[in-house]
């Protein structure tokens, strides 16, 4: 039976990538360039459409200056501001 990732973990990742990217004041295109990824790939991550590899998580975490754990941890709704 094929395994599909939980929609909730993809949602958490999507929200965190978007929040950390915006906190750094960079566009999806700039983040993609930093990571060596395509802009549409970053967009699909931020929409929760992609199941990222560990390598991609590592690249994103380095570019956003956060840990992989921080990318995958749900933040409280009240945590509206994320500082880099």
C-alpha atoms as a PDB file:
ATOM      1  CA  UNK A   1       0.000   0.000   0.000  1.00  0.00           C
ATOM      2  CA  UNK A   2       1.504   3.404  -0.966  1.00  0.00           C
ATOM      3  CA  UNK A   3       2.167   5.817   1.842  1.00  0.00           C
ATOM      4  CA  UNK A   4       0.930   9.357   1.528  1.00  0.00           C
ATOM      5  CA  UNK A   5       2.177  12.137   3.767  1.00  0.00           C
ATOM      6  CA  UNK A   6      -0.234  13.667   6.207  1.00  0.00           C
ATOM      7  CA  UNK A   7      -1.908  16.769   4.843  1.00  0.00           C
ATOM      8  CA  UNK A   8      -1.387  18.404   8.220  1.00  0.00           C
ATOM      9  CA  UNK A   9       2.429  18.140   8.132  1.00  0.00           C
ATOM     10  CA  UNK A  10       2.441  19.587   4.618  1.00  0.00           C
ATOM     11  CA  UNK A  11       0.210  22.409   5.860  1.00  0.00           C
ATOM     12  CA  UNK A  12       2.522  23.118   8.788  1.00  0.00           C
ATOM     13  CA  UNK A  13       5.543  23.158   6.472  1.00  0.00           C
ATOM     14  CA  UNK A  14       3.712  25.399   3.987  1.00  0.00           C
ATOM     15  CA  UNK A  15       2.740  27.925   6.654  1.00  0.00           C
ATOM     16  CA  UNK A  16       6.203  27.945   8.219  1.00  0.00           C
ATOM     17  CA  UNK A  17       8.122  28.325   4.949  1.00  0.00           C
ATOM     18  CA  UNK A  18       5.856  31.224   3.966  1.00  0.00           C
ATOM     19  CA  UNK A  19       6.117  32.884   7.396  1.00  0.00           C
ATOM     20  CA  UNK A  20       9.907  32.567   7.655  1.00  0.00           C
ATOM     21  CA  UNK A  21      10.348  33.714   4.034  1.00  0.00           C
ATOM     22  CA  UNK A  22       8.202  36.786   4.641  1.00  0.00           C
ATOM     23  CA  UNK A  23      10.015  37.492   7.922  1.00  0.00           C
ATOM     24  CA  UNK A  24      13.232  37.647   5.883  1.00  0.00           C
ATOM     25  CA  UNK A  25      11.520  39.949   3.399  1.00  0.00           C
ATOM     26  CA  UNK A  26      12.312  37.785   0.382  1.00  0.00           C
ATOM     27  CA  UNK A  27      10.184  36.641  -2.527  1.00  0.00           C
ATOM     28  CA  UNK A  28       9.520  33.056  -3.529  1.00  0.00           C
ATOM     29  CA  UNK A  29      11.786  33.640  -6.505  1.00  0.00           C
ATOM     30  CA  UNK A  30      14.663  34.870  -4.305  1.00  0.00           C
ATOM     31  CA  UNK A  31      14.252  31.928  -1.917  1.00  0.00           C
ATOM     32  CA  UNK A  32      14.251  29.563  -4.885  1.00  0.00           C
ATOM     33  CA  UNK A  33      17.488  31.108  -6.181  1.00  0.00           C
ATOM     34  CA  UNK A  34      19.147  30.819  -2.768  1.00  0.00           C
ATOM     35  CA  UNK A  35      18.095  27.163  -2.518  1.00  0.00           C
ATOM     36  CA  UNK A  36      18.858  26.220  -6.114  1.00  0.00           C
ATOM     37  CA  UNK A  37      15.195  25.307  -6.684  1.00  0.00           C
ATOM     38  CA  UNK A  38      12.581  26.505  -9.148  1.00  0.00           C
ATOM     39  CA  UNK A  39      10.210  29.307  -8.107  1.00  0.00           C
ATOM     40  CA  UNK A  40       7.152  27.190  -8.897  1.00  0.00           C
ATOM     41  CA  UNK A  41       8.500  24.461  -6.595  1.00  0.00           C
ATOM     42  CA  UNK A  42       8.684  26.929  -3.693  1.00  0.00           C
ATOM     43  CA  UNK A  43       5.130  28.021  -4.490  1.00  0.00           C
ATOM     44  CA  UNK A  44       3.916  24.436  -4.448  1.00  0.00           C
ATOM     45  CA  UNK A  45       5.593  23.872  -1.067  1.00  0.00           C
ATOM     46  CA  UNK A  46       3.883  26.985   0.302  1.00  0.00           C
ATOM     47  CA  UNK A  47       0.536  25.704  -0.978  1.00  0.00           C
ATOM     48  CA  UNK A  48       1.094  22.339   0.714  1.00  0.00           C
ATOM     49  CA  UNK A  49       1.176  20.455  -2.588  1.00  0.00           C
ATOM     50  CA  UNK A  50       4.666  18.969  -2.297  1.00  0.00           C
ATOM     51  CA  UNK A  51       6.084  16.177  -0.197  1.00  0.00           C
ATOM     52  CA  UNK A  52       9.608  17.513   0.333  1.00  0.00           C
ATOM     53  CA  UNK A  53      12.655  15.321   0.672  1.00  0.00           C
ATOM     54  CA  UNK A  54      14.950  15.581   3.665  1.00  0.00           C
ATOM     55  CA  UNK A  55      17.530  17.228   1.404  1.00  0.00           C
ATOM     56  CA  UNK A  56      15.052  19.921   0.390  1.00  0.00           C
ATOM     57  CA  UNK A  57      14.088  20.508   4.024  1.00  0.00           C
ATOM     58  CA  UNK A  58      17.764  20.931   4.875  1.00  0.00           C
ATOM     59  CA  UNK A  59      18.304  23.432   2.045  1.00  0.00           C
ATOM     60  CA  UNK A  60      15.209  25.409   3.042  1.00  0.00           C
ATOM     61  CA  UNK A  61      16.192  25.470   6.712  1.00  0.00           C
ATOM     62  CA  UNK A  62      19.668  26.793   5.897  1.00  0.00           C
ATOM     63  CA  UNK A  63      18.287  29.450   3.546  1.00  0.00           C
ATOM     64  CA  UNK A  64      15.696  30.568   6.100  1.00  0.00           C
ATOM     65  CA  UNK A  65      18.177  30.320   9.009  1.00  0.00           C
ATOM     66  CA  UNK A  66      15.988  27.971  11.056  1.00  0.00           C
ATOM     67  CA  UNK A  67      16.183  24.310  11.981  1.00  0.00           C
ATOM     68  CA  UNK A  68      14.346  21.559  10.130  1.00  0.00           C
ATOM     69  CA  UNK A  69      12.444  21.016  13.375  1.00  0.00           C
ATOM     70  CA  UNK A  70      11.243  24.620  13.299  1.00  0.00           C
ATOM     71  CA  UNK A  71      10.001  24.143   9.736  1.00  0.00           C
ATOM     72  CA  UNK A  72       7.992  21.081  10.789  1.00  0.00           C
ATOM     73  CA  UNK A  73       6.619  22.346  14.112  1.00  0.00           C
ATOM     74  CA  UNK A  74       3.157  23.867  14.215  1.00  0.00           C
ATOM     75  CA  UNK A  75       3.237  27.372  15.610  1.00  0.00           C
ATOM     76  CA  UNK A  76       0.525  28.787  17.842  1.00  0.00           C
ATOM     77  CA  UNK A  77      -2.091  30.874  16.010  1.00  0.00           C
ATOM     78  CA  UNK A  78      -1.122  33.853  18.192  1.00  0.00           C
ATOM     79  CA  UNK A  79       2.491  33.647  16.945  1.00  0.00           C
ATOM     80  CA  UNK A  80       1.791  36.054  14.100  1.00  0.00           C
ATOM     81  CA  UNK A  81       5.292  37.498  13.958  1.00  0.00           C
ATOM     82  CA  UNK A  82       8.300  35.346  13.283  1.00  0.00           C
ATOM     83  CA  UNK A  83      11.629  37.060  13.583  1.00  0.00           C
ATOM     84  CA  UNK A  84      14.628  35.771  11.691  1.00  0.00           C
END
